[in-house]
C-alpha atoms as a PDB file:
ATOM      1  CA  MET A   1       8.617   6.778  11.836  1.00  0.00           C
ATOM      2  CA  ASP A   2      11.917   8.377  10.854  1.00  0.00           C
ATOM      3  CA  SER A   3      12.581  12.068  11.492  1.00  0.00           C
ATOM      4  CA  LEU A   4      12.215  13.165   7.849  1.00  0.00           C
ATOM      5  CA  THR A   5       8.763  11.611   7.620  1.00  0.00           C
ATOM      6  CA  GLN A   6       7.627  13.279  10.828  1.00  0.00           C
ATOM      7  CA  ILE A   7       8.977  16.621   9.601  1.00  0.00           C
ATOM      8  CA  VAL A   8       7.039  16.264   6.341  1.00  0.00           C
ATOM      9  CA  LEU A   9       3.834  15.274   8.144  1.00  0.00           C
ATOM     10  CA  GLY A  10       4.200  18.095  10.663  1.00  0.00           C
ATOM     11  CA  ALA A  11       4.855  20.634   7.891  1.00  0.00           C
ATOM     12  CA  ALA A  12       1.771  19.482   5.949  1.00  0.00           C
ATOM     13  CA  VAL A  13      -0.376  19.740   9.078  1.00  0.00           C
ATOM     14  CA  GLY A  14       1.002  23.203   9.796  1.00  0.00           C
ATOM     15  CA  GLU A  15       0.208  24.271   6.249  1.00  0.00           C
ATOM     16  CA  ALA A  16      -3.338  22.915   6.506  1.00  0.00           C
ATOM     17  CA  VAL A  17      -3.971  24.953   9.669  1.00  0.00           C
ATOM     18  CA  LEU A  18      -2.188  28.257   9.022  1.00  0.00           C
ATOM     19  CA  GLY A  19      -0.823  28.193   5.480  1.00  0.00           C
ATOM     20  CA  ARG A  20      -3.268  30.820   4.220  1.00  0.00           C
ATOM     21  CA  LYS A  21      -2.411  33.138   7.088  1.00  0.00           C
ATOM     22  CA  ILE A  22       1.385  32.964   7.367  1.00  0.00           C
ATOM     23  CA  GLY A  23       2.572  31.023   4.309  1.00  0.00           C
ATOM     24  CA  ASN A  24       5.703  28.901   4.593  1.00  0.00           C
ATOM     25  CA  LYS A  25       6.111  29.798   8.266  1.00  0.00           C
ATOM     26  CA  ALA A  26       3.209  27.439   8.936  1.00  0.00           C
ATOM     27  CA  MET A  27       5.222  24.598   7.398  1.00  0.00           C
ATOM     28  CA  LEU A  28       8.275  25.573   9.428  1.00  0.00           C
ATOM     29  CA  TYR A  29       6.431  25.576  12.738  1.00  0.00           C
ATOM     30  CA  GLY A  30       4.596  22.402  11.829  1.00  0.00           C
ATOM     31  CA  ALA A  31       7.879  20.672  10.969  1.00  0.00           C
ATOM     32  CA  ILE A  32       9.414  21.731  14.286  1.00  0.00           C
ATOM     33  CA  ALA A  33       6.346  20.606  16.227  1.00  0.00           C
ATOM     34  CA  GLY A  34       6.356  17.308  14.365  1.00  0.00           C
ATOM     35  CA  THR A  35       9.801  16.446  15.723  1.00  0.00           C
ATOM     36  CA  ILE A  36       9.292  17.523  19.356  1.00  0.00           C
ATOM     37  CA  PRO A  37       7.701  14.232  20.572  1.00  0.00           C
ATOM     38  CA  ASP A  38      10.901  12.391  19.613  1.00  0.00           C
ATOM     39  CA  PHE A  39      12.910  14.362  22.162  1.00  0.00           C
ATOM     40  CA  ASP A  40      12.222  11.449  24.513  1.00  0.00           C
ATOM     41  CA  ILE A  41      15.116   9.693  22.790  1.00  0.00           C
ATOM     42  CA  PHE A  42      17.503  11.696  24.948  1.00  0.00           C
ATOM     43  CA  SER A  43      16.329   9.641  27.932  1.00  0.00           C
ATOM     44  CA  SER A  44      18.828   6.974  26.826  1.00  0.00           C
ATOM     45  CA  TYR A  45      21.622   9.322  27.931  1.00  0.00           C
ATOM     46  CA  LEU A  46      20.036  10.018  31.309  1.00  0.00           C
ATOM     47  CA  THR A  47      18.872   6.637  32.570  1.00  0.00           C
ATOM     48  CA  ASP A  48      19.366   2.883  32.239  1.00  0.00           C
ATOM     49  CA  THR A  49      18.437   0.874  29.148  1.00  0.00           C
ATOM     50  CA  VAL A  50      15.225  -0.610  30.535  1.00  0.00           C
ATOM     51  CA  SER A  51      13.863   2.736  31.729  1.00  0.00           C
ATOM     52  CA  ALA A  52      14.808   4.401  28.434  1.00  0.00           C
ATOM     53  CA  LEU A  53      12.916   1.708  26.504  1.00  0.00           C
ATOM     54  CA  GLU A  54       9.862   2.284  28.687  1.00  0.00           C
ATOM     55  CA  ILE A  55      10.051   6.061  28.215  1.00  0.00           C
ATOM     56  CA  HIS A  56      10.512   5.878  24.434  1.00  0.00           C
ATOM     57  CA  ARG A  57       7.251   6.726  22.666  1.00  0.00           C
ATOM     58  CA  GLY A  58       5.598   7.170  26.039  1.00  0.00           C
ATOM     59  CA  PHE A  59       4.414  10.477  27.534  1.00  0.00           C
ATOM     60  CA  THR A  60       5.641  12.696  24.673  1.00  0.00           C
ATOM     61  CA  HIS A  61       3.693  10.485  22.251  1.00  0.00           C
ATOM     62  CA  SER A  62       0.413  10.757  24.110  1.00  0.00           C
ATOM     63  CA  ILE A  63      -2.782  12.719  23.675  1.00  0.00           C
ATOM     64  CA  LEU A  64      -2.180  14.131  27.150  1.00  0.00           C
ATOM     65  CA  PHE A  65       1.153  15.639  26.042  1.00  0.00           C
ATOM     66  CA  SER A  66      -0.547  17.200  23.008  1.00  0.00           C
ATOM     67  CA  VAL A  67      -3.302  18.707  25.146  1.00  0.00           C
ATOM     68  CA  LEU A  68      -0.942  20.097  27.791  1.00  0.00           C
ATOM     69  CA  PHE A  69       1.876  21.423  25.641  1.00  0.00           C
ATOM     70  CA  ALA A  70       0.076  22.740  22.551  1.00  0.00           C
ATOM     71  CA  PRO A  71      -1.255  25.807  24.447  1.00  0.00           C
ATOM     72  CA  LEU A  72       2.158  26.344  26.051  1.00  0.00           C
ATOM     73  CA  PHE A  73       3.994  26.445  22.719  1.00  0.00           C
ATOM     74  CA  ALA A  74       1.211  28.580  21.245  1.00  0.00           C
ATOM     75  CA  PHE A  75       1.620  31.075  24.088  1.00  0.00           C
ATOM     76  CA  ILE A  76       5.386  31.266  23.512  1.00  0.00           C
ATOM     77  CA  VAL A  77       5.042  31.766  19.750  1.00  0.00           C
ATOM     78  CA  CYS A  78       2.377  34.434  20.193  1.00  0.00           C
ATOM     79  CA  LYS A  79       4.881  36.453  22.206  1.00  0.00           C
ATOM     80  CA  TYR A  80       7.176  37.133  19.241  1.00  0.00           C
ATOM     81  CA  GLU A  81       5.227  36.339  16.031  1.00  0.00           C
ATOM     82  CA  ARG A  82       3.140  38.991  14.256  1.00  0.00           C
ATOM     83  CA  TYR A  83       0.252  36.583  13.859  1.00  0.00           C
ATOM     84  CA  LYS A  84      -1.144  36.286  17.387  1.00  0.00           C
ATOM     85  CA  ASN A  85      -4.251  34.128  17.130  1.00  0.00           C
ATOM     86  CA  PHE A  86      -3.695  31.903  20.174  1.00  0.00           C
ATOM     87  CA  LYS A  87      -6.484  29.502  19.206  1.00  0.00           C
ATOM     88  CA  ASN A  88      -5.056  28.796  15.745  1.00  0.00           C
ATOM     89  CA  TRP A  89      -1.492  28.399  17.037  1.00  0.00           C
ATOM     90  CA  THR A  90      -2.770  25.958  19.660  1.00  0.00           C
ATOM     91  CA  LEU A  91      -4.558  23.986  16.954  1.00  0.00           C
ATOM     92  CA  LEU A  92      -1.401  23.850  14.827  1.00  0.00           C
ATOM     93  CA  PHE A  93       0.749  22.533  17.667  1.00  0.00           C
ATOM     94  CA  PHE A  94      -1.911  20.111  18.892  1.00  0.00           C
ATOM     95  CA  LEU A  95      -2.439  18.529  15.474  1.00  0.00           C
ATOM     96  CA  ALA A  96       1.298  18.394  14.728  1.00  0.00           C
ATOM     97  CA  PHE A  97       1.930  16.774  18.118  1.00  0.00           C
ATOM     98  CA  VAL A  98      -0.905  14.234  17.994  1.00  0.00           C
ATOM     99  CA  THR A  99      -0.452  13.121  14.360  1.00  0.00           C
ATOM    100  CA  HIS A 100       3.147  12.176  15.197  1.00  0.00           C
ATOM    101  CA  PRO A 101       2.221   9.299  17.562  1.00  0.00           C
ATOM    102  CA  ILE A 102      -0.752   8.304  15.408  1.00  0.00           C
ATOM    103  CA  LEU A 103       1.694   7.711  12.549  1.00  0.00           C
ATOM    104  CA  ASP A 104       4.169   5.976  14.870  1.00  0.00           C
ATOM    105  CA  ALA A 105       1.353   3.655  15.966  1.00  0.00           C
ATOM    106  CA  GLN A 106       1.487   2.103  12.486  1.00  0.00           C
ATOM    107  CA  THR A 107       4.989   0.709  13.201  1.00  0.00           C
ATOM    108  CA  THR A 108       6.183  -2.339  15.126  1.00  0.00           C
ATOM    109  CA  TRP A 109       7.309  -0.408  18.216  1.00  0.00           C
ATOM    110  CA  GLY A 110       4.033   1.470  18.473  1.00  0.00           C
ATOM    111  CA  THR A 111       3.131   4.333  20.808  1.00  0.00           C
ATOM    112  CA  GLN A 112       1.499   4.892  24.180  1.00  0.00           C
ATOM    113  CA  LEU A 113      -1.099   7.239  22.742  1.00  0.00           C
ATOM    114  CA  PHE A 114      -3.288   6.890  25.830  1.00  0.00           C
ATOM    115  CA  TRP A 115      -0.502   7.323  28.411  1.00  0.00           C
ATOM    116  CA  PRO A 116      -0.591   6.992  31.430  1.00  0.00           C
ATOM    117  CA  LEU A 117      -2.718   3.943  30.600  1.00  0.00           C
ATOM    118  CA  ASP A 118      -0.436   1.000  29.876  1.00  0.00           C
ATOM    119  CA  ILE A 119      -1.675   0.554  26.307  1.00  0.00           C
ATOM    120  CA  ARG A 120       0.838   0.527  23.450  1.00  0.00           C
ATOM    121  CA  LEU A 121      -0.762   0.748  20.026  1.00  0.00           C
ATOM    122  CA  ALA A 122       1.259  -1.057  17.361  1.00  0.00           C
ATOM    123  CA  PHE A 123      -0.607  -1.889  14.156  1.00  0.00           C
ATOM    124  CA  LYS A 124       2.594  -3.030  12.400  1.00  0.00           C
ATOM    125  CA  ASN A 125       1.471  -2.101   8.896  1.00  0.00           C
ATOM    126  CA  VAL A 126       4.483   0.039   7.877  1.00  0.00           C
ATOM    127  CA  PHE A 127       8.203  -0.101   8.528  1.00  0.00           C
ATOM    128  CA  VAL A 128       9.768   2.810  10.409  1.00  0.00           C
ATOM    129  CA  ILE A 129      11.234   4.055   7.094  1.00  0.00           C
ATOM    130  CA  ASP A 130       8.939   3.722   4.086  1.00  0.00           C
ATOM    131  CA  PRO A 131       9.864   5.650   0.905  1.00  0.00           C
ATOM    132  CA  LEU A 132       6.453   4.965  -0.662  1.00  0.00           C
ATOM    133  CA  TYR A 133       4.854   6.952   2.151  1.00  0.00           C
ATOM    134  CA  THR A 134       7.429   9.707   2.519  1.00  0.00           C
ATOM    135  CA  VAL A 135       8.665  10.540  -1.005  1.00  0.00           C
ATOM    136  CA  PRO A 136       5.301  11.340  -2.688  1.00  0.00           C
ATOM    137  CA  PHE A 137       4.284  13.264   0.450  1.00  0.00           C
ATOM    138  CA  LEU A 138       7.505  15.296   0.291  1.00  0.00           C
ATOM    139  CA  ILE A 139       7.072  16.046  -3.427  1.00  0.00           C
ATOM    140  CA  PHE A 140       3.560  17.425  -2.907  1.00  0.00           C
ATOM    141  CA  LEU A 141       4.788  19.487   0.058  1.00  0.00           C
ATOM    142  CA  ILE A 142       7.575  21.055  -2.023  1.00  0.00           C
ATOM    143  CA  LEU A 143       5.097  21.845  -4.812  1.00  0.00           C
ATOM    144  CA  ALA A 144       2.822  23.532  -2.265  1.00  0.00           C
ATOM    145  CA  MET A 145       5.720  25.448  -0.769  1.00  0.00           C
ATOM    146  CA  ARG A 146       6.508  27.029  -4.142  1.00  0.00           C
ATOM    147  CA  GLN A 147       3.043  28.580  -4.441  1.00  0.00           C
ATOM    148  CA  LYS A 148       1.874  31.893  -2.983  1.00  0.00           C
ATOM    149  CA  LYS A 149       0.109  31.524   0.353  1.00  0.00           C
ATOM    150  CA  GLN A 150      -3.334  32.409  -1.048  1.00  0.00           C
ATOM    151  CA  ALA A 151      -3.000  30.278  -4.188  1.00  0.00           C
ATOM    152  CA  LYS A 152      -5.548  27.504  -4.681  1.00  0.00           C
ATOM    153  CA  LYS A 153      -2.812  25.247  -6.048  1.00  0.00           C
ATOM    154  CA  ARG A 154      -0.993  25.521  -2.719  1.00  0.00           C
ATOM    155  CA  ARG A 155      -3.917  24.041  -0.819  1.00  0.00           C
ATOM    156  CA  PHE A 156      -4.508  21.516  -3.601  1.00  0.00           C
ATOM    157  CA  TYR A 157      -0.954  20.140  -3.474  1.00  0.00           C
ATOM    158  CA  ASN A 158      -0.861  20.029   0.326  1.00  0.00           C
ATOM    159  CA  ASN A 159      -4.255  18.334   0.582  1.00  0.00           C
ATOM    160  CA  LEU A 160      -3.247  15.881  -2.130  1.00  0.00           C
ATOM    161  CA  GLY A 161      -0.135  14.968  -0.141  1.00  0.00           C
ATOM    162  CA  LEU A 162      -2.230  14.322   2.967  1.00  0.00           C
ATOM    163  CA  ILE A 163      -4.783  12.274   1.009  1.00  0.00           C
ATOM    164  CA  VAL A 164      -2.215  10.166  -0.885  1.00  0.00           C
ATOM    165  CA  SER A 165      -0.127   9.408   2.219  1.00  0.00           C
ATOM    166  CA  SER A 166      -3.198   8.529   4.294  1.00  0.00           C
ATOM    167  CA  SER A 167      -4.567   6.341   1.492  1.00  0.00           C
ATOM    168  CA  TYR A 168      -1.265   4.495   1.379  1.00  0.00           C
ATOM    169  CA  LEU A 169      -1.577   3.700   5.091  1.00  0.00           C
ATOM    170  CA  VAL A 170      -5.047   2.263   4.458  1.00  0.00           C
ATOM    171  CA  LEU A 171      -3.608   0.179   1.624  1.00  0.00           C
ATOM    172  CA  THR A 172      -0.887  -1.213   3.907  1.00  0.00           C
ATOM    173  CA  LEU A 173      -3.544  -2.373   6.371  1.00  0.00           C
ATOM    174  CA  ILE A 174      -5.220  -4.290   3.543  1.00  0.00           C
ATOM    175  CA  LEU A 175      -1.874  -5.788   2.492  1.00  0.00           C
ATOM    176  CA  LYS A 176      -1.252  -6.777   6.108  1.00  0.00           C
ATOM    177  CA  MET A 177      -4.564  -8.651   6.251  1.00  0.00           C
ATOM    178  CA  ILE A 178      -3.747 -10.470   3.019  1.00  0.00           C
ATOM    179  CA  SER A 179      -0.284 -11.468   4.268  1.00  0.00           C
ATOM    180  CA  TYR A 180      -1.769 -12.613   7.588  1.00  0.00           C
ATOM    181  CA  GLN A 181      -4.127 -14.967   5.771  1.00  0.00           C
ATOM    182  CA  THR A 182      -1.208 -16.235   3.660  1.00  0.00           C
ATOM    183  CA  PHE A 183       0.820 -17.116   6.748  1.00  0.00           C
ATOM    184  CA  LYS A 184      -2.190 -18.633   8.473  1.00  0.00           C
ATOM    185  CA  LYS A 185      -2.895 -20.875   5.470  1.00  0.00           C
ATOM    186  CA  GLU A 186       0.771 -21.901   5.205  1.00  0.00           C
ATOM    187  CA  LEU A 187       0.951 -22.849   8.892  1.00  0.00           C
ATOM    188  CA  ALA A 188      -2.124 -25.023   8.402  1.00  0.00           C
ATOM    189  CA  ASN A 189      -0.597 -26.651   5.310  1.00  0.00           C
ATOM    190  CA  GLN A 190       2.580 -27.439   7.232  1.00  0.00           C
ATOM    191  CA  GLN A 191       0.505 -28.711  10.194  1.00  0.00           C
ATOM    192  CA  ILE A 192       2.222 -26.317  12.603  1.00  0.00           C
ATOM    193  CA  THR A 193       0.335 -25.847  15.854  1.00  0.00           C
ATOM    194  CA  TYR A 194       0.817 -22.327  17.188  1.00  0.00           C
ATOM    195  CA  LYS A 195      -0.390 -20.081  19.992  1.00  0.00           C
ATOM    196  CA  SER A 196      -0.004 -16.665  18.364  1.00  0.00           C
ATOM    197  CA  LEU A 197       0.739 -15.141  14.963  1.00  0.00           C
ATOM    198  CA  LYS A 198       1.957 -11.572  14.333  1.00  0.00           C
ATOM    199  CA  THR A 199       2.840 -10.058  10.955  1.00  0.00           C
ATOM    200  CA  LYS A 200       4.779  -6.936   9.936  1.00  0.00           C
ATOM    201  CA  PRO A 201       6.414  -5.525   6.790  1.00  0.00           C
ATOM    202  CA  THR A 202      10.136  -5.948   6.224  1.00  0.00           C
ATOM    203  CA  PRO A 203      12.356  -2.837   5.914  1.00  0.00           C
ATOM    204  CA  LEU A 204      11.567  -0.185   3.291  1.00  0.00           C
ATOM    205  CA  ASN A 205       8.628  -1.961   1.617  1.00  0.00           C
ATOM    206  CA  THR A 206       5.189  -3.531   1.985  1.00  0.00           C
ATOM    207  CA  ILE A 207       5.631  -6.338  -0.557  1.00  0.00           C
ATOM    208  CA  LEU A 208       7.690  -8.685   1.607  1.00  0.00           C
ATOM    209  CA  TRP A 209       6.134  -9.453   4.990  1.00  0.00           C
ATOM    210  CA  SER A 210       7.512 -11.165   8.074  1.00  0.00           C
ATOM    211  CA  ALA A 211       5.675 -13.328  10.593  1.00  0.00           C
ATOM    212  CA  ASN A 212       6.453 -14.115  14.214  1.00  0.00           C
ATOM    213  CA  VAL A 213       4.825 -17.356  15.291  1.00  0.00           C
ATOM    214  CA  GLU A 214       4.721 -18.568  18.880  1.00  0.00           C
ATOM    215  CA  THR A 215       4.654 -22.317  19.517  1.00  0.00           C
ATOM    216  CA  GLU A 216       4.862 -24.119  22.846  1.00  0.00           C
ATOM    217  CA  ASN A 217       8.663 -24.085  23.209  1.00  0.00           C
ATOM    218  CA  ALA A 218       9.906 -21.893  20.383  1.00  0.00           C
ATOM    219  CA  TYR A 219       9.255 -18.967  18.083  1.00  0.00           C
ATOM    220  CA  LEU A 220       9.173 -19.240  14.312  1.00  0.00           C
ATOM    221  CA  ILE A 221      10.072 -16.452  11.893  1.00  0.00           C
ATOM    222  CA  GLY A 222       9.047 -16.628   8.248  1.00  0.00           C
ATOM    223  CA  HIS A 223       8.897 -14.322   5.228  1.00  0.00           C
ATOM    224  CA  SER A 224       6.333 -14.079   2.466  1.00  0.00           C
ATOM    225  CA  SER A 225       6.461 -11.949  -0.685  1.00  0.00           C
ATOM    226  CA  PHE A 226       3.452 -11.299  -2.872  1.00  0.00           C
ATOM    227  CA  PHE A 227       5.623 -12.688  -5.687  1.00  0.00           C
ATOM    228  CA  ASP A 228       6.305 -16.017  -3.937  1.00  0.00           C
ATOM    229  CA  SER A 229       5.643 -19.284  -5.754  1.00  0.00           C
ATOM    230  CA  LYS A 230       7.001 -21.759  -3.192  1.00  0.00           C
ATOM    231  CA  PRO A 231       6.010 -22.653   0.400  1.00  0.00           C
ATOM    232  CA  ILE A 232       7.191 -20.414   3.214  1.00  0.00           C
ATOM    233  CA  GLN A 233      10.256 -21.550   5.157  1.00  0.00           C
ATOM    234  CA  PHE A 234      10.230 -20.875   8.886  1.00  0.00           C
ATOM    235  CA  SER A 235      13.313 -20.420  11.078  1.00  0.00           C
ATOM    236  CA  GLU A 236      12.967 -21.811  14.607  1.00  0.00           C
ATOM    237  CA  TYR A 237      14.250 -20.111  17.754  1.00  0.00           C
ATOM    238  CA  THR A 238      13.986 -22.008  21.027  1.00  0.00           C
ATOM    239  CA  LYS A 239      12.614 -19.809  23.807  1.00  0.00           C
ATOM    240  CA  ASN A 240      15.176 -20.907  26.435  1.00  0.00           C
ATOM    241  CA  HIS A 241      13.368 -18.830  29.063  1.00  0.00           C
ATOM    242  CA  HIS A 242      14.518 -21.314  31.697  1.00  0.00           C
ATOM    243  CA  LEU A 243      18.094 -20.003  31.302  1.00  0.00           C
ATOM    244  CA  LEU A 244      17.089 -16.903  33.244  1.00  0.00           C
ATOM    245  CA  GLY A 245      16.649 -18.929  36.431  1.00  0.00           C
ATOM    246  CA  GLU A 246      16.016 -16.644  39.407  1.00  0.00           C
ATOM    247  CA  LEU A 247      16.597 -13.581  37.194  1.00  0.00           C
ATOM    248  CA  ALA A 248      13.140 -14.169  35.755  1.00  0.00           C
ATOM    249  CA  LYS A 249      11.673 -13.006  39.076  1.00  0.00           C
ATOM    250  CA  HIS A 250      13.671  -9.770  39.194  1.00  0.00           C
ATOM    251  CA  PRO A 251      11.551  -6.609  38.588  1.00  0.00           C
ATOM    252  CA  LYS A 252      13.908  -5.296  35.901  1.00  0.00           C
ATOM    253  CA  THR A 253      13.729  -8.587  33.984  1.00  0.00           C
ATOM    254  CA  LYS A 254       9.957  -8.565  34.235  1.00  0.00           C
ATOM    255  CA  ARG A 255       9.967  -5.049  32.813  1.00  0.00           C
ATOM    256  CA  MET A 256      12.039  -6.219  29.848  1.00  0.00           C
ATOM    257  CA  MET A 257       9.607  -9.082  29.302  1.00  0.00           C
ATOM    258  CA  ALA A 258       6.734  -6.590  29.329  1.00  0.00           C
ATOM    259  CA  ILE A 259       8.514  -4.287  26.866  1.00  0.00           C
ATOM    260  CA  SER A 260       8.981  -7.185  24.431  1.00  0.00           C
ATOM    261  CA  LYS A 261       5.332  -8.255  24.915  1.00  0.00           C
ATOM    262  CA  GLY A 262       6.684 -11.717  25.717  1.00  0.00           C
ATOM    263  CA  TRP A 263       8.321 -12.131  22.298  1.00  0.00           C
ATOM    264  CA  PHE A 264      11.853 -12.887  23.420  1.00  0.00           C
ATOM    265  CA  THR A 265      14.426 -15.654  23.520  1.00  0.00           C
ATOM    266  CA  ILE A 266      17.404 -16.176  25.805  1.00  0.00           C
ATOM    267  CA  ASN A 267      20.740 -17.517  24.641  1.00  0.00           C
ATOM    268  CA  LYS A 268      24.016 -18.099  26.424  1.00  0.00           C
ATOM    269  CA  GLU A 269      27.444 -17.264  25.004  1.00  0.00           C
ATOM    270  CA  ASN A 270      30.668 -17.710  27.029  1.00  0.00           C
ATOM    271  CA  ASN A 271      28.680 -17.910  30.289  1.00  0.00           C
ATOM    272  CA  THR A 272      26.900 -14.644  29.468  1.00  0.00           C
ATOM    273  CA  LEU A 273      23.143 -14.428  28.948  1.00  0.00           C
ATOM    274  CA  TYR A 274      21.543 -12.421  26.140  1.00  0.00           C
ATOM    275  CA  PHE A 275      17.973 -11.194  25.850  1.00  0.00           C
ATOM    276  CA  ASN A 276      16.756 -11.133  22.219  1.00  0.00           C
ATOM    277  CA  ASP A 277      13.658  -9.104  21.327  1.00  0.00           C
ATOM    278  CA  LEU A 278      12.012 -11.187  18.588  1.00  0.00           C
ATOM    279  CA  ARG A 279       9.502  -8.537  17.513  1.00  0.00           C
ATOM    280  CA  PHE A 280      12.030  -6.938  15.189  1.00  0.00           C
ATOM    281  CA  GLY A 281      13.577 -10.113  13.811  1.00  0.00           C
ATOM    282  CA  THR A 282      17.155 -10.359  12.569  1.00  0.00           C
ATOM    283  CA  LEU A 283      19.457  -8.339  10.331  1.00  0.00           C
ATOM    284  CA  SER A 284      19.506 -11.148   7.804  1.00  0.00           C
ATOM    285  CA  MET A 285      17.181 -13.043   5.486  1.00  0.00           C
ATOM    286  CA  GLN A 286      19.188 -16.233   5.938  1.00  0.00           C
ATOM    287  CA  PRO A 287      17.548 -19.206   7.718  1.00  0.00           C
ATOM    288  CA  ASN A 288      18.084 -19.317  11.493  1.00  0.00           C
ATOM    289  CA  ALA A 289      20.132 -16.086  11.519  1.00  0.00           C
ATOM    290  CA  GLN A 290      21.343 -15.029  14.974  1.00  0.00           C
ATOM    291  CA  ASN A 291      22.099 -11.330  14.465  1.00  0.00           C
ATOM    292  CA  PHE A 292      18.955 -10.004  16.124  1.00  0.00           C
ATOM    293  CA  VAL A 293      18.023  -6.365  15.552  1.00  0.00           C
ATOM    294  CA  PHE A 294      17.663  -5.831  19.301  1.00  0.00           C
ATOM    295  CA  LYS A 295      19.939  -7.978  21.428  1.00  0.00           C
ATOM    296  CA  TYR A 296      20.742  -7.130  25.069  1.00  0.00           C
ATOM    297  CA  LYS A 297      23.650  -8.415  27.119  1.00  0.00           C
ATOM    298  CA  ILE A 298      22.672  -9.290  30.704  1.00  0.00           C
ATOM    299  CA  ASP A 299      25.258  -8.480  33.368  1.00  0.00           C
ATOM    300  CA  VAL A 300      24.552  -9.474  36.957  1.00  0.00           C
ATOM    301  CA  ASP A 301      26.181  -7.758  39.939  1.00  0.00           C
ATOM    302  CA  ALA A 302      27.178  -9.363  43.256  1.00  0.00           C
ATOM    303  CA  ASN A 303      23.693  -8.786  44.651  1.00  0.00           C
ATOM    304  CA  GLY A 304      21.990 -10.559  41.759  1.00  0.00           C
ATOM    305  CA  ASN A 305      20.724  -7.368  40.088  1.00  0.00           C
ATOM    306  CA  PRO A 306      20.722  -7.525  36.272  1.00  0.00           C
ATOM    307  CA  THR A 307      21.779  -4.774  33.868  1.00  0.00           C
ATOM    308  CA  PHE A 308      20.649  -4.882  30.244  1.00  0.00           C
ATOM    309  CA  THR A 309      22.961  -3.371  27.637  1.00  0.00           C
ATOM    310  CA  GLU A 310      22.068  -3.238  23.942  1.00  0.00           C
ATOM    311  CA  GLU A 311      24.603  -4.936  21.718  1.00  0.00           C
ATOM    312  CA  PRO A 312      25.929  -2.680  18.910  1.00  0.00           C
ATOM    313  CA  LYS A 313      24.768  -3.415  15.379  1.00  0.00           C
ATOM    314  CA  GLN A 314      27.261  -4.107  12.615  1.00  0.00           C
ATOM    315  CA  LYS A 315      27.048  -1.802   9.578  1.00  0.00           C
ATOM    316  CA  ARG A 316      28.003  -4.657   7.295  1.00  0.00           C
ATOM    317  CA  ASP A 317      24.919  -6.565   8.455  1.00  0.00           C
ATOM    318  CA  GLY A 318      22.692  -3.667   7.416  1.00  0.00           C
ATOM    319  CA  LYS A 319      24.271  -3.414   3.963  1.00  0.00           C
ATOM    320  CA  LYS A 320      24.004  -7.155   3.449  1.00  0.00           C
ATOM    321  CA  LEU A 321      20.374  -7.127   4.565  1.00  0.00           C
ATOM    322  CA  LEU A 322      19.433  -4.576   1.891  1.00  0.00           C
ATOM    323  CA  SER A 323      20.906  -6.819  -0.786  1.00  0.00           C
ATOM    324  CA  GLU A 324      19.127  -9.885   0.597  1.00  0.00           C
ATOM    325  CA  LEU A 325      15.839  -8.003   0.862  1.00  0.00           C
ATOM    326  CA  TRP A 326      15.944  -6.995  -2.784  1.00  0.00           C
ATOM    327  CA  GLN A 327      16.427 -10.617  -3.830  1.00  0.00           C
ATOM    328  CA  ARG A 328      13.761 -11.955  -1.472  1.00  0.00           C
ATOM    329  CA  ILE A 329      11.133  -9.359  -2.454  1.00  0.00           C
ATOM    330  CA  LYS A 330      11.216 -10.780  -6.003  1.00  0.00           C
ATOM    331  CA  GLY A 331       9.954 -14.131  -4.680  1.00  0.00           C
ATOM    332  CA  ASN A 332      11.292 -17.422  -3.361  1.00  0.00           C
END
């Protein structure tokens, strides 16, 4: 999830653990702890694209990280804070650390909660930025913050924020199941034979859902709103995996395939190959759009070693997408 959401969640967790003891400081430390797992993003400045993608939401988003580093941060804080209960500080940091990846596991990218096991949890029931999750949560947190540390209302508001936000996540799982059945029924109606079907919410909402469908030689992408009245239209993207040739056997290419969970297409432009991660779709609601959210240029050196470089996104595409989303949410 986005940084603001993780700050809010971390602050609420901190308040739940130590709010009665140290007041708003508990929120502050919880907010800081809630952002620490995302420090792995700096790996993109220190290593190549493929390695950075593997590291992202890896070790720092694991239970192991929470277990190892919670006592360390608790020890450091106990050195200079008046409140010196090591056990409670450890609990605050552990819960703030571990709830971060649990929330991230609800998104499309997912997390390696059980690192070093190669298991990435991705339930795909919320978008990485979801105002319906974050805004009510933030409002309750602010209301709690304004109360005295021993006030019953303080605990009431903070607990209400945790309950409402968690309930919303449960609701999104139900909505995901409904949308999955909608896509499954539509594929049957259109007599489309497929190998796999994955669904996820579109940006900033859980009303309009997107589906990735794998067929024998192509992937299909479709959208379905709960306000739709017409059949779903699917865009088709030919896999073109054969364009990789010998590159398909290279370890770095295999790693990229593993990162994308096999949901990728290859296209060729001006004798240059591009690797498109289909899991995140395109920056457009238009049929057969080609501006993929994650598109990587493949450069090959004299020794046949590939380098993957992410193509920059165009701001105008993002602005246009928001407008298209608003129209599509209202139904087809």
